[in-house]
């Protein structure tokens, strides 16, 4: 058997707060989603002025990371480089999702949508960094 850490509600709140702070610091209105290691939603927030569609896309970016163990950017790059078969995969090929990896295991992910792809990813990485720095994923 393998012991696997899991996100607590405190972890999820820390992730969301850091991601929101990054978005606000840059004047970006986004939706922020956090899911657990099974791809199940733990958090979703749509900031004022964020597109309603962003609240649908952000959780799917997070789920993509859990399914693959990779940032969602990987699939966007596949499509952009002509590997259109990637569009048939059960993932969202849009940058802005980042996995949370502890001890080599994906225990969750953060998905962000609402601004340019790289900016979404920047916000998601801020959330991931906050929980990794805290070292409190249990």
C-alpha atoms as a PDB file:
ATOM      1  CA  UNK A   1       0.000   0.000   0.000  1.00  0.00           C
ATOM      2  CA  UNK A   2       1.052   3.565  -0.657  1.00  0.00           C
ATOM      3  CA  UNK A   3       0.331   6.496   1.638  1.00  0.00           C
ATOM      4  CA  UNK A   4      -0.958   9.447  -0.364  1.00  0.00           C
ATOM      5  CA  UNK A   5      -1.336  12.952   0.955  1.00  0.00           C
ATOM      6  CA  UNK A   6      -4.649  14.733   0.420  1.00  0.00           C
ATOM      7  CA  UNK A   7      -5.665  18.361   0.266  1.00  0.00           C
ATOM      8  CA  UNK A   8      -7.506  19.706   3.281  1.00  0.00           C
ATOM      9  CA  UNK A   9     -10.038  22.512   3.173  1.00  0.00           C
ATOM     10  CA  UNK A  10      -7.372  24.736   4.730  1.00  0.00           C
ATOM     11  CA  UNK A  11      -5.023  23.853   1.860  1.00  0.00           C
ATOM     12  CA  UNK A  12      -7.694  24.613  -0.708  1.00  0.00           C
ATOM     13  CA  UNK A  13      -8.438  27.988   0.864  1.00  0.00           C
ATOM     14  CA  UNK A  14      -4.709  28.806   0.873  1.00  0.00           C
ATOM     15  CA  UNK A  15      -4.463  27.867  -2.824  1.00  0.00           C
ATOM     16  CA  UNK A  16      -7.504  29.945  -3.747  1.00  0.00           C
ATOM     17  CA  UNK A  17      -6.340  32.967  -1.748  1.00  0.00           C
ATOM     18  CA  UNK A  18      -2.884  32.935  -3.343  1.00  0.00           C
ATOM     19  CA  UNK A  19      -4.306  32.512  -6.830  1.00  0.00           C
ATOM     20  CA  UNK A  20      -6.817  35.298  -6.269  1.00  0.00           C
ATOM     21  CA  UNK A  21      -4.091  37.581  -4.895  1.00  0.00           C
ATOM     22  CA  UNK A  22      -1.978  36.961  -8.018  1.00  0.00           C
ATOM     23  CA  UNK A  23      -4.932  37.718 -10.280  1.00  0.00           C
ATOM     24  CA  UNK A  24      -5.840  40.888  -8.375  1.00  0.00           C
ATOM     25  CA  UNK A  25      -2.224  42.093  -8.336  1.00  0.00           C
ATOM     26  CA  UNK A  26      -2.303  41.987 -12.135  1.00  0.00           C
ATOM     27  CA  UNK A  27      -5.829  43.346 -12.575  1.00  0.00           C
ATOM     28  CA  UNK A  28      -7.146  40.076 -13.986  1.00  0.00           C
ATOM     29  CA  UNK A  29     -10.697  38.794 -13.519  1.00  0.00           C
ATOM     30  CA  UNK A  30     -10.612  34.994 -13.584  1.00  0.00           C
ATOM     31  CA  UNK A  31     -12.292  31.860 -12.365  1.00  0.00           C
ATOM     32  CA  UNK A  32     -10.231  29.634 -10.062  1.00  0.00           C
ATOM     33  CA  UNK A  33     -10.908  25.937  -9.571  1.00  0.00           C
ATOM     34  CA  UNK A  34      -9.214  23.370  -7.350  1.00  0.00           C
ATOM     35  CA  UNK A  35      -9.807  19.641  -7.573  1.00  0.00           C
ATOM     36  CA  UNK A  36      -8.589  16.652  -5.597  1.00  0.00           C
ATOM     37  CA  UNK A  37      -6.510  13.734  -6.824  1.00  0.00           C
ATOM     38  CA  UNK A  38      -9.572  12.121  -8.373  1.00  0.00           C
ATOM     39  CA  UNK A  39     -10.474  15.210 -10.366  1.00  0.00           C
ATOM     40  CA  UNK A  40     -13.426  16.036  -8.104  1.00  0.00           C
ATOM     41  CA  UNK A  41     -14.138  19.729  -7.504  1.00  0.00           C
ATOM     42  CA  UNK A  42     -13.157  21.166  -4.134  1.00  0.00           C
ATOM     43  CA  UNK A  43     -13.345  24.880  -4.960  1.00  0.00           C
ATOM     44  CA  UNK A  44     -14.692  27.159  -7.641  1.00  0.00           C
ATOM     45  CA  UNK A  45     -14.834  30.923  -7.607  1.00  0.00           C
ATOM     46  CA  UNK A  46     -15.567  33.376 -10.383  1.00  0.00           C
ATOM     47  CA  UNK A  47     -14.214  36.821  -9.647  1.00  0.00           C
ATOM     48  CA  UNK A  48     -16.340  39.856 -10.444  1.00  0.00           C
ATOM     49  CA  UNK A  49     -16.167  40.678 -14.158  1.00  0.00           C
ATOM     50  CA  UNK A  50     -14.834  37.223 -15.103  1.00  0.00           C
ATOM     51  CA  UNK A  51     -16.541  35.602 -18.066  1.00  0.00           C
ATOM     52  CA  UNK A  52     -19.287  33.115 -17.174  1.00  0.00           C
ATOM     53  CA  UNK A  53     -17.608  30.602 -19.503  1.00  0.00           C
ATOM     54  CA  UNK A  54     -14.439  30.785 -17.417  1.00  0.00           C
ATOM     55  CA  UNK A  55     -16.317  29.097 -14.567  1.00  0.00           C
ATOM     56  CA  UNK A  56     -16.882  26.085 -16.823  1.00  0.00           C
ATOM     57  CA  UNK A  57     -13.390  25.981 -18.324  1.00  0.00           C
ATOM     58  CA  UNK A  58     -11.325  26.385 -15.121  1.00  0.00           C
ATOM     59  CA  UNK A  59     -12.479  23.121 -13.462  1.00  0.00           C
ATOM     60  CA  UNK A  60     -11.875  21.236 -16.694  1.00  0.00           C
ATOM     61  CA  UNK A  61      -8.315  22.547 -16.871  1.00  0.00           C
ATOM     62  CA  UNK A  62      -7.755  21.287 -13.316  1.00  0.00           C
ATOM     63  CA  UNK A  63      -9.284  17.893 -14.132  1.00  0.00           C
ATOM     64  CA  UNK A  64      -7.034  17.636 -17.192  1.00  0.00           C
ATOM     65  CA  UNK A  65      -3.991  17.941 -14.931  1.00  0.00           C
ATOM     66  CA  UNK A  66      -5.178  15.239 -12.581  1.00  0.00           C
ATOM     67  CA  UNK A  67      -5.920  12.846 -15.445  1.00  0.00           C
ATOM     68  CA  UNK A  68      -2.517  13.356 -17.018  1.00  0.00           C
ATOM     69  CA  UNK A  69      -0.203  14.505 -14.240  1.00  0.00           C
ATOM     70  CA  UNK A  70       0.925  17.327 -16.513  1.00  0.00           C
ATOM     71  CA  UNK A  71       0.114  21.012 -16.949  1.00  0.00           C
ATOM     72  CA  UNK A  72      -2.772  21.479 -19.383  1.00  0.00           C
ATOM     73  CA  UNK A  73      -0.394  23.508 -21.547  1.00  0.00           C
ATOM     74  CA  UNK A  74       1.079  20.201 -22.811  1.00  0.00           C
ATOM     75  CA  UNK A  75      -2.141  19.442 -24.693  1.00  0.00           C
ATOM     76  CA  UNK A  76      -2.471  22.944 -26.099  1.00  0.00           C
ATOM     77  CA  UNK A  77       1.063  22.623 -27.450  1.00  0.00           C
ATOM     78  CA  UNK A  78       0.206  19.252 -29.027  1.00  0.00           C
ATOM     79  CA  UNK A  79      -2.716  20.763 -30.904  1.00  0.00           C
ATOM     80  CA  UNK A  80      -0.771  23.888 -31.848  1.00  0.00           C
ATOM     81  CA  UNK A  81       1.978  21.668 -33.255  1.00  0.00           C
ATOM     82  CA  UNK A  82      -0.483  19.809 -35.476  1.00  0.00           C
ATOM     83  CA  UNK A  83      -1.342  16.798 -33.348  1.00  0.00           C
ATOM     84  CA  UNK A  84      -5.078  17.285 -33.805  1.00  0.00           C
ATOM     85  CA  UNK A  85      -5.830  13.776 -32.524  1.00  0.00           C
ATOM     86  CA  UNK A  86      -5.234  15.267 -29.060  1.00  0.00           C
ATOM     87  CA  UNK A  87      -8.626  16.954 -29.453  1.00  0.00           C
ATOM     88  CA  UNK A  88     -10.215  13.504 -29.036  1.00  0.00           C
ATOM     89  CA  UNK A  89      -8.594  13.001 -25.634  1.00  0.00           C
ATOM     90  CA  UNK A  90     -10.778  13.522 -22.533  1.00  0.00           C
ATOM     91  CA  UNK A  91      -8.881  16.701 -21.653  1.00  0.00           C
ATOM     92  CA  UNK A  92      -9.154  20.440 -22.235  1.00  0.00           C
ATOM     93  CA  UNK A  93      -6.184  21.438 -24.407  1.00  0.00           C
ATOM     94  CA  UNK A  94      -5.866  24.955 -22.992  1.00  0.00           C
ATOM     95  CA  UNK A  95      -3.047  26.347 -20.870  1.00  0.00           C
ATOM     96  CA  UNK A  96      -4.016  27.380 -17.351  1.00  0.00           C
ATOM     97  CA  UNK A  97      -4.116  24.123 -15.408  1.00  0.00           C
ATOM     98  CA  UNK A  98      -1.293  23.075 -13.066  1.00  0.00           C
ATOM     99  CA  UNK A  99      -1.033  19.805 -11.116  1.00  0.00           C
ATOM    100  CA  UNK A 100      -0.218  19.631  -7.414  1.00  0.00           C
ATOM    101  CA  UNK A 101       2.406  16.925  -6.994  1.00  0.00           C
ATOM    102  CA  UNK A 102       3.554  15.709  -3.578  1.00  0.00           C
ATOM    103  CA  UNK A 103       6.028  12.841  -3.221  1.00  0.00           C
ATOM    104  CA  UNK A 104       5.666  12.059  -6.924  1.00  0.00           C
ATOM    105  CA  UNK A 105       1.880  11.722  -6.763  1.00  0.00           C
ATOM    106  CA  UNK A 106      -0.718  14.085  -8.191  1.00  0.00           C
ATOM    107  CA  UNK A 107      -2.936  14.962  -5.251  1.00  0.00           C
ATOM    108  CA  UNK A 108      -4.932  17.693  -6.984  1.00  0.00           C
ATOM    109  CA  UNK A 109      -4.730  20.545  -9.432  1.00  0.00           C
ATOM    110  CA  UNK A 110      -5.549  24.186  -9.959  1.00  0.00           C
ATOM    111  CA  UNK A 111      -7.306  25.431 -13.079  1.00  0.00           C
ATOM    112  CA  UNK A 112      -7.682  29.095 -14.004  1.00  0.00           C
ATOM    113  CA  UNK A 113      -9.544  30.692 -16.882  1.00  0.00           C
ATOM    114  CA  UNK A 114     -10.414  34.216 -17.882  1.00  0.00           C
ATOM    115  CA  UNK A 115      -7.335  35.939 -19.289  1.00  0.00           C
ATOM    116  CA  UNK A 116      -4.544  35.006 -21.718  1.00  0.00           C
ATOM    117  CA  UNK A 117      -3.364  31.403 -21.464  1.00  0.00           C
ATOM    118  CA  UNK A 118       0.021  32.214 -19.936  1.00  0.00           C
ATOM    119  CA  UNK A 119      -1.620  34.548 -17.438  1.00  0.00           C
ATOM    120  CA  UNK A 120      -4.105  31.842 -16.429  1.00  0.00           C
ATOM    121  CA  UNK A 121      -1.155  29.521 -15.828  1.00  0.00           C
ATOM    122  CA  UNK A 122       0.669  32.189 -13.811  1.00  0.00           C
ATOM    123  CA  UNK A 123      -2.329  32.485 -11.477  1.00  0.00           C
ATOM    124  CA  UNK A 124      -2.626  28.691 -11.179  1.00  0.00           C
ATOM    125  CA  UNK A 125       1.081  28.332 -10.377  1.00  0.00           C
ATOM    126  CA  UNK A 126       0.729  30.934  -7.602  1.00  0.00           C
ATOM    127  CA  UNK A 127      -1.935  28.748  -6.009  1.00  0.00           C
ATOM    128  CA  UNK A 128       0.163  25.595  -6.305  1.00  0.00           C
ATOM    129  CA  UNK A 129       3.225  27.361  -4.917  1.00  0.00           C
ATOM    130  CA  UNK A 130       1.283  28.516  -1.858  1.00  0.00           C
ATOM    131  CA  UNK A 131       0.315  25.018  -0.810  1.00  0.00           C
ATOM    132  CA  UNK A 132       3.746  23.549  -1.563  1.00  0.00           C
ATOM    133  CA  UNK A 133       5.451  26.317   0.424  1.00  0.00           C
ATOM    134  CA  UNK A 134       3.127  25.725   3.352  1.00  0.00           C
ATOM    135  CA  UNK A 135       3.904  22.004   3.254  1.00  0.00           C
ATOM    136  CA  UNK A 136       0.533  21.306   4.770  1.00  0.00           C
ATOM    137  CA  UNK A 137      -1.056  18.991   2.219  1.00  0.00           C
ATOM    138  CA  UNK A 138      -2.051  16.012   4.349  1.00  0.00           C
END
